[in-house]
Each structure stands twice: as structure tokens, then as C-alpha cells.
Amino acid sequence: MGMIMVKCPQTGRAIPTGITIDRERFERSPVFFKRTRCPICSADHAWFAREAWVDEPGGWARHRGAKAKGAAISASAKRL
């Protein structure tokens, strides 16, 4: 299970919608329209499902962060 995320149009940052779902079910769901209160800019943002994604624990964003951290460690090890 993961959180449906959208991008804040004011800041460009990812924000949680408060809706949890698994990625497969989200991808099978019909097109829908929702509104979410943004914790960053305090505005209500309207969004369509096609503009959202599911952020699951251990998903791509965390994997990408781990790769970047690993690259930094490798680079510093080369300097030694």
C-alpha cells in the first residue's frame, strides 16, 4: 500500500493526498477528479488521476535516493 501523491502547482513539490491504495489497483481505477488541501501552500488543489502517482514504501523514490547515496560513498572511497 502506498499514498497517492500529486505535485503542488505553487511549489512543484510532491504532496500526499491522504488516500492510500496499492499501485496495481490505482492503475486499474477509472479516471477520477479530486481536491486535496496542500500542507505546503495551504491551498486546495484540484487534480486528475493521470496527474498523480502512488508512493509506496521502498519504491522508486527511495531506491533513487539509495543509489545517489551509494554513488556519493563510491566517489569518496575513490579519493582515499
N, C-alpha and C. Protein backbone atom coordinates (compact mmCIF):
# COMPACT_ATOMS: atom_id res chain seq x y z
N MET A 1 0.84 -1.18 0.00
CA MET A 1 0.00 0.00 0.00
C MET A 1 0.88 1.24 0.00
N GLY A 2 0.40 2.25 -0.67
CA GLY A 2 1.14 3.49 -0.71
C GLY A 2 0.20 4.68 -0.72
N MET A 3 0.76 5.85 -0.66
CA MET A 3 -0.01 7.10 -0.64
C MET A 3 -0.08 7.67 -2.05
N ILE A 4 -1.27 8.10 -2.46
CA ILE A 4 -1.40 8.81 -3.74
C ILE A 4 -0.82 10.19 -3.53
N MET A 5 0.09 10.57 -4.42
CA MET A 5 0.78 11.85 -4.35
C MET A 5 0.47 12.68 -5.59
N VAL A 6 0.48 13.99 -5.43
CA VAL A 6 0.34 14.91 -6.56
C VAL A 6 1.37 16.02 -6.37
N LYS A 7 1.55 16.83 -7.40
CA LYS A 7 2.51 17.92 -7.33
C LYS A 7 1.79 19.22 -7.03
N CYS A 8 2.31 19.95 -6.05
CA CYS A 8 1.77 21.28 -5.73
C CYS A 8 2.11 22.22 -6.89
N PRO A 9 1.10 22.82 -7.53
CA PRO A 9 1.40 23.71 -8.66
C PRO A 9 2.11 25.00 -8.24
N GLN A 10 2.03 25.36 -6.97
CA GLN A 10 2.69 26.58 -6.49
C GLN A 10 4.18 26.37 -6.25
N THR A 11 4.53 25.20 -5.68
CA THR A 11 5.93 24.96 -5.29
C THR A 11 6.62 23.89 -6.12
N GLY A 12 5.82 23.05 -6.81
CA GLY A 12 6.40 21.95 -7.57
C GLY A 12 6.78 20.75 -6.72
N ARG A 13 6.50 20.81 -5.42
CA ARG A 13 6.85 19.71 -4.51
C ARG A 13 5.74 18.67 -4.46
N ALA A 14 6.12 17.43 -4.18
CA ALA A 14 5.16 16.34 -4.04
C ALA A 14 4.41 16.49 -2.73
N ILE A 15 3.09 16.28 -2.79
CA ILE A 15 2.27 16.36 -1.58
C ILE A 15 1.39 15.11 -1.47
N PRO A 16 1.15 14.64 -0.26
CA PRO A 16 0.27 13.49 -0.07
C PRO A 16 -1.19 13.91 -0.18
N THR A 17 -2.03 13.02 -0.73
CA THR A 17 -3.45 13.32 -0.85
C THR A 17 -4.26 12.80 0.32
N GLY A 18 -3.66 11.93 1.13
CA GLY A 18 -4.39 11.31 2.22
C GLY A 18 -5.09 10.03 1.80
N ILE A 19 -4.92 9.62 0.54
CA ILE A 19 -5.55 8.41 0.01
C ILE A 19 -4.49 7.32 -0.11
N THR A 20 -4.73 6.17 0.53
CA THR A 20 -3.80 5.05 0.40
C THR A 20 -4.42 3.99 -0.50
N ILE A 21 -3.57 3.39 -1.33
CA ILE A 21 -4.01 2.39 -2.31
C ILE A 21 -2.77 1.65 -2.80
N ASP A 22 -2.95 0.46 -3.33
CA ASP A 22 -1.79 -0.21 -3.93
C ASP A 22 -1.68 0.22 -5.39
N ARG A 23 -0.47 0.18 -5.90
CA ARG A 23 -0.19 0.68 -7.25
C ARG A 23 -1.03 0.00 -8.32
N GLU A 24 -1.19 -1.31 -8.24
CA GLU A 24 -1.95 -2.05 -9.25
C GLU A 24 -3.42 -1.61 -9.28
N ARG A 25 -4.01 -1.46 -8.10
CA ARG A 25 -5.41 -1.03 -8.04
C ARG A 25 -5.55 0.40 -8.57
N PHE A 26 -4.60 1.28 -8.22
CA PHE A 26 -4.64 2.66 -8.70
C PHE A 26 -4.57 2.70 -10.23
N GLU A 27 -3.69 1.88 -10.82
CA GLU A 27 -3.54 1.87 -12.27
C GLU A 27 -4.79 1.32 -12.98
N ARG A 28 -5.56 0.48 -12.29
CA ARG A 28 -6.80 -0.07 -12.87
C ARG A 28 -8.02 0.81 -12.63
N SER A 29 -7.90 1.80 -11.76
CA SER A 29 -9.06 2.62 -11.40
C SER A 29 -9.45 3.53 -12.57
N PRO A 30 -10.75 3.84 -12.65
CA PRO A 30 -11.20 4.75 -13.70
C PRO A 30 -10.64 6.15 -13.46
N VAL A 31 -10.67 6.96 -14.48
CA VAL A 31 -10.21 8.34 -14.36
C VAL A 31 -11.10 9.04 -13.34
N PHE A 32 -10.50 9.75 -12.42
CA PHE A 32 -11.28 10.47 -11.43
C PHE A 32 -10.66 11.82 -11.15
N PHE A 33 -11.45 12.68 -10.52
CA PHE A 33 -11.07 14.05 -10.20
C PHE A 33 -11.23 14.24 -8.70
N LYS A 34 -10.25 14.82 -8.06
CA LYS A 34 -10.31 15.06 -6.61
C LYS A 34 -9.73 16.43 -6.29
N ARG A 35 -9.92 16.82 -5.04
CA ARG A 35 -9.30 18.03 -4.49
C ARG A 35 -8.54 17.63 -3.23
N THR A 36 -7.40 18.27 -3.03
CA THR A 36 -6.57 17.98 -1.87
C THR A 36 -6.09 19.30 -1.27
N ARG A 37 -6.15 19.39 0.04
CA ARG A 37 -5.62 20.56 0.75
C ARG A 37 -4.11 20.39 0.86
N CYS A 38 -3.37 21.36 0.39
CA CYS A 38 -1.91 21.29 0.35
C CYS A 38 -1.31 21.70 1.69
N PRO A 39 -0.49 20.81 2.29
CA PRO A 39 0.15 21.17 3.56
C PRO A 39 1.31 22.16 3.39
N ILE A 40 1.72 22.40 2.15
CA ILE A 40 2.85 23.30 1.90
C ILE A 40 2.38 24.74 1.71
N CYS A 41 1.43 24.94 0.78
CA CYS A 41 0.98 26.30 0.48
C CYS A 41 -0.41 26.61 1.03
N SER A 42 -1.05 25.65 1.66
CA SER A 42 -2.37 25.79 2.29
C SER A 42 -3.51 26.07 1.32
N ALA A 43 -3.31 25.81 0.04
CA ALA A 43 -4.38 25.98 -0.96
C ALA A 43 -5.03 24.63 -1.24
N ASP A 44 -6.24 24.67 -1.79
CA ASP A 44 -6.90 23.45 -2.25
C ASP A 44 -6.50 23.24 -3.71
N HIS A 45 -5.94 22.09 -4.02
CA HIS A 45 -5.52 21.79 -5.39
C HIS A 45 -6.45 20.74 -5.99
N ALA A 46 -6.94 21.01 -7.19
CA ALA A 46 -7.75 20.05 -7.93
C ALA A 46 -6.81 19.24 -8.81
N TRP A 47 -7.07 17.92 -8.93
CA TRP A 47 -6.19 17.08 -9.72
C TRP A 47 -6.95 15.89 -10.30
N PHE A 48 -6.45 15.39 -11.41
CA PHE A 48 -6.97 14.18 -12.04
C PHE A 48 -6.03 13.03 -11.74
N ALA A 49 -6.55 11.82 -11.79
CA ALA A 49 -5.74 10.63 -11.50
C ALA A 49 -4.50 10.56 -12.39
N ARG A 50 -4.60 11.00 -13.63
CA ARG A 50 -3.45 10.91 -14.54
C ARG A 50 -2.28 11.80 -14.10
N GLU A 51 -2.54 12.76 -13.21
CA GLU A 51 -1.50 13.66 -12.70
C GLU A 51 -0.88 13.15 -11.40
N ALA A 52 -1.38 12.02 -10.90
CA ALA A 52 -0.96 11.50 -9.60
C ALA A 52 -0.14 10.23 -9.75
N TRP A 53 0.50 9.83 -8.66
CA TRP A 53 1.24 8.58 -8.62
C TRP A 53 1.16 8.01 -7.21
N VAL A 54 1.48 6.73 -7.09
CA VAL A 54 1.46 6.07 -5.79
C VAL A 54 2.89 5.97 -5.27
N ASP A 55 3.11 6.53 -4.08
CA ASP A 55 4.42 6.47 -3.44
C ASP A 55 4.35 5.34 -2.41
N GLU A 56 4.95 4.20 -2.76
CA GLU A 56 4.94 3.05 -1.86
C GLU A 56 6.26 2.98 -1.09
N PRO A 57 6.21 2.52 0.15
CA PRO A 57 7.45 2.36 0.93
C PRO A 57 8.44 1.47 0.16
N GLY A 58 9.68 1.91 0.08
CA GLY A 58 10.69 1.14 -0.65
C GLY A 58 10.56 1.27 -2.15
N GLY A 59 9.76 2.24 -2.60
CA GLY A 59 9.52 2.42 -4.04
C GLY A 59 10.64 3.15 -4.74
N TRP A 60 10.37 3.64 -5.93
CA TRP A 60 11.36 4.25 -6.80
C TRP A 60 12.08 5.42 -6.14
N ALA A 61 11.34 6.30 -5.47
CA ALA A 61 11.98 7.49 -4.89
C ALA A 61 13.01 7.09 -3.84
N ARG A 62 12.69 6.10 -3.01
CA ARG A 62 13.66 5.65 -2.01
C ARG A 62 14.81 4.95 -2.68
N HIS A 63 14.52 4.17 -3.71
CA HIS A 63 15.57 3.46 -4.43
C HIS A 63 16.52 4.47 -5.07
N ARG A 64 15.96 5.52 -5.67
CA ARG A 64 16.77 6.55 -6.29
C ARG A 64 17.67 7.22 -5.26
N GLY A 65 17.12 7.50 -4.07
CA GLY A 65 17.92 8.10 -3.01
C GLY A 65 19.05 7.19 -2.57
N ALA A 66 18.78 5.90 -2.50
CA ALA A 66 19.81 4.94 -2.11
C ALA A 66 20.91 4.88 -3.16
N LYS A 67 20.53 4.95 -4.43
CA LYS A 67 21.53 4.94 -5.50
C LYS A 67 22.41 6.17 -5.41
N ALA A 68 21.79 7.33 -5.16
CA ALA A 68 22.57 8.57 -5.06
C ALA A 68 23.52 8.50 -3.87
N LYS A 69 23.05 7.98 -2.75
CA LYS A 69 23.90 7.85 -1.57
C LYS A 69 25.05 6.89 -1.85
N GLY A 70 24.75 5.78 -2.53
CA GLY A 70 25.79 4.82 -2.89
C GLY A 70 26.83 5.42 -3.82
N ALA A 71 26.38 6.27 -4.74
CA ALA A 71 27.32 6.93 -5.66
C ALA A 71 28.22 7.88 -4.91
N ALA A 72 27.67 8.59 -3.92
CA ALA A 72 28.48 9.52 -3.13
C ALA A 72 29.52 8.76 -2.32
N ILE A 73 29.13 7.63 -1.76
CA ILE A 73 30.08 6.82 -0.99
C ILE A 73 31.17 6.29 -1.91
N SER A 74 30.80 5.83 -3.10
CA SER A 74 31.79 5.32 -4.05
C SER A 74 32.77 6.41 -4.46
N ALA A 75 32.26 7.61 -4.68
CA ALA A 75 33.13 8.72 -5.09
C ALA A 75 34.11 9.07 -3.98
N SER A 76 33.63 9.08 -2.73
CA SER A 76 34.55 9.43 -1.65
C SER A 76 35.57 8.31 -1.41
N ALA A 77 35.18 7.06 -1.65
CA ALA A 77 36.10 5.94 -1.48
C ALA A 77 37.22 6.02 -2.53
N LYS A 78 36.90 6.49 -3.72
CA LYS A 78 37.91 6.60 -4.79
C LYS A 78 38.98 7.64 -4.43
N ARG A 79 38.56 8.67 -3.67
CA ARG A 79 39.51 9.72 -3.30
C ARG A 79 40.52 9.25 -2.26
N LEU A 80 40.16 8.21 -1.52
CA LEU A 80 41.07 7.72 -0.45
C LEU A 80 42.25 6.99 -0.98
